Amino acid sequence: MLKKALLLYFITMLSGLNGIANADHSVAANVHGGDGEVIGTVSIRNAPTGSLIKLMLDPGALQPGWHGLHLHQTGECSDTGIFRLSGGHVGKIQGQHGLLNPTGPEPGDLPNIWVAADGSAGYEAFSNLVQLTDLTDGDGSALIIHAGPDDHLTQPIGGAGGRVACAEITSD
């Protein structure tokens, strides 16, 4: 009986340590623009109830104004300029796109990013819709920046337009 109790104690301790390690887990990636050039960086850090996303774009990276930002299913940005190999949104469910959608949102939905007059941007947002472990599964995921803003309601992508930048989110 004592052996079983000790075994259970050690399993519980290891589970707790695993949770602590996962809380500090993070990934970083380069953001690639339409020509494939590196235009910034993104880091995503695991949190107890979601993920913290930090994005920095260099001056001249994008056109000024609001841009839609989504997490996509596959960590693939090799089709430079179109970025379709990244697939649809993480957790895509037909008709549920949008942070303002009464039947949504999808796990890949994020708030828009504002790009300054010089084309640079800084962004930090928390998403309780997705965990980092979901993003770094076998085929990873991608952070996609769109040409225009997401209205957070219109299907399927909030009217955000074409994909203008991509970052591959994968485990090391």
N, C-alpha and C. Protein backbone atom coordinates (compact mmCIF):
# COMPACT_ATOMS: atom_id res chain seq x y z
N MET A 1 0.82 -1.19 0.00
CA MET A 1 0.00 0.00 0.00
C MET A 1 0.87 1.26 0.00
N LEU A 2 1.94 1.23 0.78
CA LEU A 2 2.85 2.37 0.84
C LEU A 2 3.51 2.61 -0.52
N LYS A 3 3.86 1.53 -1.22
CA LYS A 3 4.48 1.65 -2.53
C LYS A 3 3.53 2.32 -3.51
N LYS A 4 2.26 1.93 -3.47
CA LYS A 4 1.26 2.55 -4.35
C LYS A 4 1.10 4.02 -4.04
N ALA A 5 1.07 4.36 -2.76
CA ALA A 5 0.92 5.76 -2.36
C ALA A 5 2.12 6.59 -2.82
N LEU A 6 3.33 6.03 -2.66
CA LEU A 6 4.54 6.73 -3.11
C LEU A 6 4.54 6.90 -4.63
N LEU A 7 4.15 5.85 -5.34
CA LEU A 7 4.09 5.93 -6.79
C LEU A 7 3.11 7.01 -7.23
N LEU A 8 1.93 7.04 -6.63
CA LEU A 8 0.94 8.05 -6.93
C LEU A 8 1.48 9.45 -6.63
N TYR A 9 2.18 9.59 -5.51
CA TYR A 9 2.78 10.88 -5.14
C TYR A 9 3.78 11.34 -6.20
N PHE A 10 4.66 10.45 -6.64
CA PHE A 10 5.67 10.82 -7.63
C PHE A 10 5.04 11.13 -8.98
N ILE A 11 4.02 10.40 -9.38
CA ILE A 11 3.33 10.71 -10.64
C ILE A 11 2.68 12.09 -10.54
N THR A 12 2.06 12.37 -9.40
CA THR A 12 1.44 13.69 -9.20
C THR A 12 2.49 14.80 -9.25
N MET A 13 3.63 14.58 -8.61
CA MET A 13 4.71 15.57 -8.63
C MET A 13 5.22 15.80 -10.05
N LEU A 14 5.43 14.72 -10.80
CA LEU A 14 5.91 14.85 -12.18
C LEU A 14 4.90 15.57 -13.03
N SER A 15 3.63 15.30 -12.84
CA SER A 15 2.58 16.01 -13.59
C SER A 15 2.63 17.49 -13.29
N GLY A 16 2.81 17.83 -12.03
CA GLY A 16 2.92 19.24 -11.64
C GLY A 16 4.13 19.91 -12.25
N LEU A 17 5.25 19.21 -12.27
CA LEU A 17 6.45 19.78 -12.88
C LEU A 17 6.28 19.96 -14.36
N ASN A 18 5.60 19.03 -15.01
CA ASN A 18 5.34 19.17 -16.44
C ASN A 18 4.51 20.42 -16.70
N GLY A 19 3.52 20.69 -15.87
CA GLY A 19 2.71 21.89 -16.03
C GLY A 19 3.53 23.15 -15.86
N ILE A 20 4.48 23.12 -14.92
CA ILE A 20 5.35 24.28 -14.72
C ILE A 20 6.22 24.50 -15.94
N ALA A 21 6.78 23.44 -16.48
CA ALA A 21 7.63 23.56 -17.67
C ALA A 21 6.83 24.10 -18.84
N ASN A 22 5.60 23.60 -19.03
CA ASN A 22 4.78 24.06 -20.14
C ASN A 22 4.39 25.53 -20.00
N ALA A 23 4.24 26.01 -18.76
CA ALA A 23 3.87 27.41 -18.55
C ALA A 23 4.97 28.34 -19.07
N ASP A 24 6.22 27.88 -19.04
CA ASP A 24 7.32 28.71 -19.51
C ASP A 24 7.69 28.44 -20.97
N HIS A 25 7.01 27.54 -21.62
CA HIS A 25 7.32 27.18 -23.00
C HIS A 25 6.99 28.34 -23.94
N SER A 26 7.89 28.62 -24.88
CA SER A 26 7.64 29.66 -25.88
C SER A 26 8.33 29.29 -27.17
N VAL A 27 7.89 29.91 -28.26
CA VAL A 27 8.52 29.75 -29.56
C VAL A 27 8.67 31.13 -30.17
N ALA A 28 9.63 31.26 -31.07
CA ALA A 28 9.84 32.50 -31.80
C ALA A 28 10.04 32.16 -33.27
N ALA A 29 9.65 33.09 -34.14
CA ALA A 29 9.78 32.86 -35.58
C ALA A 29 9.93 34.18 -36.31
N ASN A 30 10.54 34.12 -37.48
CA ASN A 30 10.61 35.28 -38.35
C ASN A 30 9.29 35.44 -39.10
N VAL A 31 8.91 36.69 -39.35
CA VAL A 31 7.76 37.00 -40.17
C VAL A 31 8.28 37.35 -41.56
N HIS A 32 7.72 36.70 -42.57
CA HIS A 32 8.15 36.91 -43.96
C HIS A 32 7.08 37.69 -44.71
N GLY A 33 7.52 38.71 -45.45
CA GLY A 33 6.62 39.50 -46.27
C GLY A 33 6.37 38.85 -47.62
N GLY A 34 5.66 39.57 -48.47
CA GLY A 34 5.26 39.07 -49.77
C GLY A 34 6.39 38.65 -50.69
N ASP A 35 7.57 39.22 -50.51
CA ASP A 35 8.73 38.85 -51.33
C ASP A 35 9.60 37.80 -50.65
N GLY A 36 9.18 37.33 -49.50
CA GLY A 36 9.94 36.33 -48.75
C GLY A 36 10.95 36.91 -47.78
N GLU A 37 11.15 38.23 -47.84
CA GLU A 37 12.11 38.88 -46.94
C GLU A 37 11.59 38.85 -45.50
N VAL A 38 12.51 38.83 -44.55
CA VAL A 38 12.14 38.89 -43.13
C VAL A 38 11.77 40.32 -42.81
N ILE A 39 10.55 40.49 -42.31
CA ILE A 39 10.06 41.84 -42.00
C ILE A 39 9.78 42.03 -40.51
N GLY A 40 10.05 41.01 -39.71
CA GLY A 40 9.81 41.13 -38.28
C GLY A 40 9.91 39.79 -37.60
N THR A 41 9.48 39.79 -36.33
CA THR A 41 9.52 38.57 -35.52
C THR A 41 8.23 38.42 -34.73
N VAL A 42 7.92 37.18 -34.40
CA VAL A 42 6.79 36.88 -33.53
C VAL A 42 7.27 35.90 -32.48
N SER A 43 6.77 36.07 -31.26
CA SER A 43 7.00 35.08 -30.22
C SER A 43 5.66 34.76 -29.60
N ILE A 44 5.50 33.49 -29.26
CA ILE A 44 4.27 33.04 -28.62
C ILE A 44 4.68 32.28 -27.37
N ARG A 45 4.10 32.68 -26.27
CA ARG A 45 4.42 32.08 -24.98
C ARG A 45 3.19 31.40 -24.41
N ASN A 46 3.38 30.19 -23.94
CA ASN A 46 2.30 29.46 -23.31
C ASN A 46 1.91 30.13 -22.00
N ALA A 47 0.63 30.15 -21.72
CA ALA A 47 0.10 30.68 -20.46
C ALA A 47 -0.86 29.64 -19.90
N PRO A 48 -1.19 29.71 -18.62
CA PRO A 48 -2.07 28.69 -18.02
C PRO A 48 -3.42 28.53 -18.73
N THR A 49 -3.94 29.61 -19.31
CA THR A 49 -5.25 29.53 -19.95
C THR A 49 -5.25 30.02 -21.39
N GLY A 50 -4.11 29.96 -22.06
CA GLY A 50 -4.06 30.42 -23.45
C GLY A 50 -2.64 30.69 -23.89
N SER A 51 -2.49 31.69 -24.76
CA SER A 51 -1.18 32.03 -25.32
C SER A 51 -1.01 33.54 -25.39
N LEU A 52 0.20 34.00 -25.11
CA LEU A 52 0.56 35.41 -25.22
C LEU A 52 1.37 35.57 -26.49
N ILE A 53 0.92 36.46 -27.37
CA ILE A 53 1.54 36.65 -28.68
C ILE A 53 2.15 38.04 -28.73
N LYS A 54 3.43 38.09 -29.11
CA LYS A 54 4.13 39.37 -29.27
C LYS A 54 4.70 39.42 -30.68
N LEU A 55 4.40 40.49 -31.39
CA LEU A 55 4.79 40.64 -32.79
C LEU A 55 5.43 42.00 -32.99
N MET A 56 6.59 42.01 -33.65
CA MET A 56 7.28 43.26 -33.97
C MET A 56 7.55 43.27 -35.47
N LEU A 57 7.13 44.35 -36.15
CA LEU A 57 7.38 44.49 -37.59
C LEU A 57 8.30 45.68 -37.83
N ASP A 58 9.24 45.49 -38.74
CA ASP A 58 10.22 46.52 -39.08
C ASP A 58 9.58 47.68 -39.84
N PRO A 59 10.19 48.88 -39.79
CA PRO A 59 9.71 49.99 -40.64
C PRO A 59 9.69 49.56 -42.10
N GLY A 60 8.63 49.95 -42.79
CA GLY A 60 8.48 49.61 -44.20
C GLY A 60 7.94 48.21 -44.44
N ALA A 61 7.61 47.50 -43.37
CA ALA A 61 7.17 46.11 -43.50
C ALA A 61 5.83 45.99 -44.23
N LEU A 62 4.87 46.79 -43.83
CA LEU A 62 3.52 46.70 -44.39
C LEU A 62 2.94 48.09 -44.62
N GLN A 63 1.84 48.12 -45.35
CA GLN A 63 1.11 49.37 -45.56
C GLN A 63 0.52 49.82 -44.22
N PRO A 64 0.52 51.13 -43.95
CA PRO A 64 -0.07 51.63 -42.70
C PRO A 64 -1.56 51.29 -42.60
N GLY A 65 -2.04 51.18 -41.37
CA GLY A 65 -3.45 50.93 -41.11
C GLY A 65 -3.68 49.59 -40.43
N TRP A 66 -4.94 49.23 -40.33
CA TRP A 66 -5.34 47.98 -39.67
C TRP A 66 -5.17 46.79 -40.60
N HIS A 67 -4.75 45.68 -40.01
CA HIS A 67 -4.58 44.42 -40.75
C HIS A 67 -5.12 43.28 -39.91
N GLY A 68 -5.84 42.35 -40.59
CA GLY A 68 -6.31 41.15 -39.92
C GLY A 68 -5.14 40.24 -39.57
N LEU A 69 -5.28 39.53 -38.49
CA LEU A 69 -4.23 38.65 -37.98
C LEU A 69 -4.90 37.37 -37.53
N HIS A 70 -4.42 36.23 -38.06
CA HIS A 70 -5.02 34.94 -37.71
C HIS A 70 -3.94 33.88 -37.54
N LEU A 71 -4.27 32.86 -36.77
CA LEU A 71 -3.43 31.67 -36.65
C LEU A 71 -3.99 30.63 -37.62
N HIS A 72 -3.12 30.10 -38.47
CA HIS A 72 -3.54 29.14 -39.49
C HIS A 72 -3.02 27.75 -39.17
N GLN A 73 -3.64 26.74 -39.79
CA GLN A 73 -3.49 25.33 -39.44
C GLN A 73 -2.11 24.72 -39.64
N THR A 74 -1.34 25.20 -40.60
CA THR A 74 -0.09 24.52 -40.96
C THR A 74 1.08 25.50 -40.96
N GLY A 75 2.19 25.09 -40.38
CA GLY A 75 3.39 25.93 -40.32
C GLY A 75 4.15 25.90 -41.63
N GLU A 76 3.58 26.52 -42.65
CA GLU A 76 4.17 26.49 -44.00
C GLU A 76 4.00 27.84 -44.68
N CYS A 77 5.13 28.50 -44.97
CA CYS A 77 5.11 29.82 -45.62
C CYS A 77 5.93 29.82 -46.90
N SER A 78 6.24 28.64 -47.45
CA SER A 78 7.14 28.57 -48.61
C SER A 78 6.52 29.07 -49.91
N ASP A 79 5.21 29.17 -49.98
CA ASP A 79 4.57 29.71 -51.18
C ASP A 79 4.48 31.24 -51.06
N THR A 80 5.65 31.84 -51.09
CA THR A 80 5.84 33.28 -50.86
C THR A 80 4.85 34.10 -51.69
N GLY A 81 4.27 35.09 -51.02
CA GLY A 81 3.37 36.02 -51.68
C GLY A 81 1.91 35.64 -51.64
N ILE A 82 1.63 34.33 -51.52
CA ILE A 82 0.22 33.92 -51.40
C ILE A 82 -0.05 33.23 -50.07
N PHE A 83 0.91 32.49 -49.57
CA PHE A 83 0.85 31.86 -48.25
C PHE A 83 -0.39 30.98 -48.06
N ARG A 84 -0.81 30.28 -49.10
CA ARG A 84 -1.98 29.40 -49.02
C ARG A 84 -1.65 28.04 -48.39
N LEU A 85 -0.37 27.64 -48.42
CA LEU A 85 0.01 26.35 -47.84
C LEU A 85 -0.21 26.31 -46.33
N SER A 86 -0.43 27.47 -45.73
CA SER A 86 -0.70 27.54 -44.30
C SER A 86 -2.10 27.06 -43.96
N GLY A 87 -2.93 26.81 -44.96
CA GLY A 87 -4.28 26.29 -44.73
C GLY A 87 -5.23 27.32 -44.16
N GLY A 88 -6.33 26.84 -43.61
CA GLY A 88 -7.34 27.70 -43.00
C GLY A 88 -6.98 28.02 -41.56
N HIS A 89 -7.89 28.67 -40.88
CA HIS A 89 -7.66 29.07 -39.49
C HIS A 89 -7.56 27.84 -38.58
N VAL A 90 -6.75 27.96 -37.55
CA VAL A 90 -6.69 26.92 -36.52
C VAL A 90 -8.10 26.73 -35.97
N GLY A 91 -8.54 25.48 -35.92
CA GLY A 91 -9.86 25.17 -35.37
C GLY A 91 -11.01 25.65 -36.22
N LYS A 92 -10.79 25.83 -37.52
CA LYS A 92 -11.82 26.38 -38.41
C LYS A 92 -13.11 25.57 -38.33
N ILE A 93 -14.19 26.28 -38.10
CA ILE A 93 -15.53 25.70 -38.11
C ILE A 93 -16.39 26.62 -38.98
N GLN A 94 -16.92 26.08 -40.06
CA GLN A 94 -17.71 26.88 -41.01
C GLN A 94 -18.73 27.75 -40.29
N GLY A 95 -18.71 29.05 -40.59
CA GLY A 95 -19.69 29.97 -40.03
C GLY A 95 -19.38 30.50 -38.65
N GLN A 96 -18.21 30.15 -38.08
CA GLN A 96 -17.92 30.60 -36.73
C GLN A 96 -16.76 31.58 -36.64
N HIS A 97 -16.28 32.08 -37.79
CA HIS A 97 -15.18 33.04 -37.74
C HIS A 97 -15.65 34.34 -37.09
N GLY A 98 -14.76 34.93 -36.31
CA GLY A 98 -14.98 36.28 -35.82
C GLY A 98 -15.13 36.41 -34.32
N LEU A 99 -14.36 37.34 -33.76
CA LEU A 99 -14.43 37.61 -32.33
C LEU A 99 -15.78 38.17 -31.91
N LEU A 100 -16.53 38.76 -32.86
CA LEU A 100 -17.85 39.31 -32.56
C LEU A 100 -18.99 38.38 -32.99
N ASN A 101 -18.66 37.23 -33.53
CA ASN A 101 -19.65 36.29 -34.03
C ASN A 101 -20.35 35.59 -32.86
N PRO A 102 -21.69 35.65 -32.78
CA PRO A 102 -22.39 35.01 -31.66
C PRO A 102 -22.23 33.48 -31.65
N THR A 103 -21.86 32.85 -32.77
CA THR A 103 -21.62 31.41 -32.79
C THR A 103 -20.13 31.08 -32.83
N GLY A 104 -19.29 32.09 -32.73
CA GLY A 104 -17.84 31.89 -32.78
C GLY A 104 -17.25 32.21 -31.43
N PRO A 105 -16.00 32.52 -31.39
CA PRO A 105 -15.04 32.59 -32.48
C PRO A 105 -14.33 31.25 -32.70
N GLU A 106 -13.51 31.21 -33.76
CA GLU A 106 -12.62 30.07 -34.00
C GLU A 106 -11.36 30.26 -33.17
N PRO A 107 -10.67 29.17 -32.83
CA PRO A 107 -9.44 29.30 -32.06
C PRO A 107 -8.35 30.14 -32.73
N GLY A 108 -8.34 30.24 -34.04
CA GLY A 108 -7.32 31.02 -34.74
C GLY A 108 -7.62 32.50 -34.87
N ASP A 109 -8.75 32.96 -34.37
CA ASP A 109 -9.12 34.37 -34.47
C ASP A 109 -8.34 35.22 -33.47
N LEU A 110 -7.83 36.35 -33.96
CA LEU A 110 -7.06 37.28 -33.13
C LEU A 110 -7.52 38.71 -33.40
N PRO A 111 -7.26 39.64 -32.48
CA PRO A 111 -7.52 41.06 -32.75
C PRO A 111 -6.62 41.56 -33.89
N ASN A 112 -7.06 42.60 -34.57
CA ASN A 112 -6.29 43.22 -35.64
C ASN A 112 -5.00 43.84 -35.12
N ILE A 113 -4.07 44.07 -36.04
CA ILE A 113 -2.83 44.77 -35.73
C ILE A 113 -2.85 46.13 -36.44
N TRP A 114 -2.35 47.16 -35.76
CA TRP A 114 -2.25 48.50 -36.33
C TRP A 114 -0.81 48.71 -36.79
N VAL A 115 -0.65 49.07 -38.06
CA VAL A 115 0.67 49.36 -38.62
C VAL A 115 0.80 50.88 -38.73
N ALA A 116 1.88 51.42 -38.17
CA ALA A 116 2.12 52.87 -38.13
C ALA A 116 2.42 53.43 -39.52
N ALA A 117 2.48 54.74 -39.61
CA ALA A 117 2.73 55.44 -40.88
C ALA A 117 4.04 55.02 -41.53
N ASP A 118 5.03 54.62 -40.72
CA ASP A 118 6.32 54.21 -41.30
C ASP A 118 6.36 52.72 -41.66
N GLY A 119 5.22 52.04 -41.51
CA GLY A 119 5.14 50.63 -41.87
C GLY A 119 5.56 49.68 -40.77
N SER A 120 5.90 50.18 -39.60
CA SER A 120 6.30 49.32 -38.47
C SER A 120 5.10 49.04 -37.58
N ALA A 121 5.25 48.05 -36.73
CA ALA A 121 4.18 47.74 -35.79
C ALA A 121 4.73 46.99 -34.59
N GLY A 122 4.10 47.18 -33.47
CA GLY A 122 4.34 46.42 -32.26
C GLY A 122 2.98 45.93 -31.79
N TYR A 123 2.90 44.69 -31.36
CA TYR A 123 1.62 44.07 -31.04
C TYR A 123 1.82 43.07 -29.92
N GLU A 124 0.95 43.11 -28.95
CA GLU A 124 0.93 42.08 -27.92
C GLU A 124 -0.52 41.81 -27.58
N ALA A 125 -0.89 40.53 -27.64
CA ALA A 125 -2.27 40.15 -27.35
C ALA A 125 -2.28 38.79 -26.69
N PHE A 126 -3.28 38.57 -25.87
CA PHE A 126 -3.48 37.28 -25.23
C PHE A 126 -4.69 36.62 -25.87
N SER A 127 -4.57 35.35 -26.18
CA SER A 127 -5.69 34.58 -26.69
C SER A 127 -5.98 33.43 -25.74
N ASN A 128 -7.20 33.39 -25.25
CA ASN A 128 -7.61 32.25 -24.43
C ASN A 128 -8.28 31.18 -25.29
N LEU A 129 -8.19 31.32 -26.61
CA LEU A 129 -8.82 30.39 -27.53
C LEU A 129 -7.91 29.24 -27.95
N VAL A 130 -6.60 29.38 -27.71
CA VAL A 130 -5.66 28.36 -28.19
C VAL A 130 -4.43 28.29 -27.29
N GLN A 131 -3.94 27.09 -27.10
CA GLN A 131 -2.72 26.86 -26.33
C GLN A 131 -1.54 26.71 -27.30
N LEU A 132 -0.37 27.06 -26.86
CA LEU A 132 0.83 26.92 -27.68
C LEU A 132 1.03 25.47 -28.12
N THR A 133 0.70 24.52 -27.28
CA THR A 133 0.87 23.12 -27.65
C THR A 133 0.00 22.75 -28.85
N ASP A 134 -1.15 23.40 -29.01
CA ASP A 134 -2.00 23.18 -30.18
C ASP A 134 -1.35 23.74 -31.44
N LEU A 135 -0.59 24.82 -31.29
CA LEU A 135 0.04 25.48 -32.43
C LEU A 135 1.31 24.78 -32.90
N THR A 136 1.96 24.07 -31.98
CA THR A 136 3.24 23.42 -32.31
C THR A 136 3.09 21.91 -32.44
N ASP A 137 1.91 21.47 -32.89
CA ASP A 137 1.70 20.04 -33.10
C ASP A 137 2.57 19.56 -34.28
N GLY A 138 2.36 18.38 -34.78
CA GLY A 138 3.21 17.77 -35.80
C GLY A 138 3.53 18.64 -37.01
N ASP A 139 2.54 19.36 -37.55
CA ASP A 139 2.80 20.19 -38.73
C ASP A 139 2.84 21.69 -38.40
N GLY A 140 2.85 22.01 -37.12
CA GLY A 140 2.96 23.41 -36.69
C GLY A 140 1.73 24.22 -37.08
N SER A 141 1.90 25.51 -37.12
CA SER A 141 0.85 26.44 -37.53
C SER A 141 1.53 27.68 -38.10
N ALA A 142 0.75 28.62 -38.55
CA ALA A 142 1.32 29.85 -39.11
C ALA A 142 0.55 31.05 -38.59
N LEU A 143 1.27 32.13 -38.37
CA LEU A 143 0.65 33.42 -38.09
C LEU A 143 0.56 34.14 -39.42
N ILE A 144 -0.63 34.51 -39.83
CA ILE A 144 -0.85 35.18 -41.11
C ILE A 144 -1.34 36.60 -40.86
N ILE A 145 -0.74 37.55 -41.59
CA ILE A 145 -1.22 38.94 -41.58
C ILE A 145 -1.88 39.19 -42.93
N HIS A 146 -3.07 39.78 -42.88
CA HIS A 146 -3.85 40.05 -44.08
C HIS A 146 -3.69 41.51 -44.53
N ALA A 147 -4.08 41.77 -45.78
CA ALA A 147 -3.94 43.10 -46.38
C ALA A 147 -4.81 44.15 -45.72
N GLY A 148 -5.98 43.77 -45.24
CA GLY A 148 -6.90 44.73 -44.64
C GLY A 148 -7.37 44.27 -43.28
N PRO A 149 -8.23 45.06 -42.64
CA PRO A 149 -8.71 44.70 -41.31
C PRO A 149 -9.76 43.59 -41.34
N ASP A 150 -9.84 42.86 -40.26
CA ASP A 150 -10.87 41.84 -40.04
C ASP A 150 -12.01 42.54 -39.31
N ASP A 151 -13.24 42.43 -39.86
CA ASP A 151 -14.39 43.03 -39.16
C ASP A 151 -14.92 42.13 -38.05
N HIS A 152 -14.31 40.98 -37.85
CA HIS A 152 -14.59 40.04 -36.76
C HIS A 152 -15.99 39.42 -36.84
N LEU A 153 -16.61 39.46 -38.04
CA LEU A 153 -17.95 38.91 -38.18
C LEU A 153 -18.20 38.27 -39.54
N THR A 154 -17.81 38.95 -40.62
CA THR A 154 -18.06 38.47 -41.98
C THR A 154 -17.36 37.14 -42.22
N GLN A 155 -18.05 36.22 -42.88
CA GLN A 155 -17.49 34.91 -43.19
C GLN A 155 -16.82 34.94 -44.56
N PRO A 156 -15.73 34.24 -44.77
CA PRO A 156 -15.09 33.35 -43.82
C PRO A 156 -13.92 33.98 -43.06
N ILE A 157 -13.40 35.18 -43.51
CA ILE A 157 -12.22 35.75 -42.84
C ILE A 157 -12.40 37.21 -42.44
N GLY A 158 -13.63 37.63 -42.29
CA GLY A 158 -13.87 38.99 -41.83
C GLY A 158 -13.56 40.06 -42.85
N GLY A 159 -13.52 39.70 -44.14
CA GLY A 159 -13.24 40.67 -45.20
C GLY A 159 -11.82 41.20 -45.16
N ALA A 160 -10.89 40.44 -44.57
CA ALA A 160 -9.52 40.93 -44.35
C ALA A 160 -8.64 40.93 -45.61
N GLY A 161 -9.07 40.31 -46.67
CA GLY A 161 -8.31 40.35 -47.91
C GLY A 161 -7.17 39.35 -47.96
N GLY A 162 -6.26 39.57 -48.92
CA GLY A 162 -5.16 38.65 -49.18
C GLY A 162 -4.19 38.52 -48.03
N ARG A 163 -3.38 37.48 -48.11
CA ARG A 163 -2.36 37.20 -47.11
C ARG A 163 -1.07 37.90 -47.50
N VAL A 164 -0.58 38.81 -46.65
CA VAL A 164 0.59 39.62 -47.02
C VAL A 164 1.84 39.29 -46.22
N ALA A 165 1.71 38.51 -45.16
CA ALA A 165 2.88 38.13 -44.36
C ALA A 165 2.58 36.82 -43.65
N CYS A 166 3.67 36.07 -43.34
CA CYS A 166 3.50 34.74 -42.77
C CYS A 166 4.68 34.41 -41.87
N ALA A 167 4.40 33.74 -40.76
CA ALA A 167 5.44 33.24 -39.86
C ALA A 167 5.12 31.78 -39.53
N GLU A 168 6.11 30.91 -39.66
CA GLU A 168 5.94 29.49 -39.35
C GLU A 168 6.13 29.26 -37.85
N ILE A 169 5.09 28.76 -37.19
CA ILE A 169 5.12 28.48 -35.76
C ILE A 169 5.31 26.97 -35.60
N THR A 170 6.49 26.58 -35.22
CA THR A 170 6.79 25.14 -35.06
C THR A 170 7.57 24.94 -33.78
N SER A 171 7.57 23.70 -33.30
CA SER A 171 8.39 23.39 -32.13
C SER A 171 9.83 23.23 -32.60
N ASP A 172 10.78 23.46 -31.72
CA ASP A 172 12.19 23.39 -32.09
C ASP A 172 12.64 22.03 -32.36
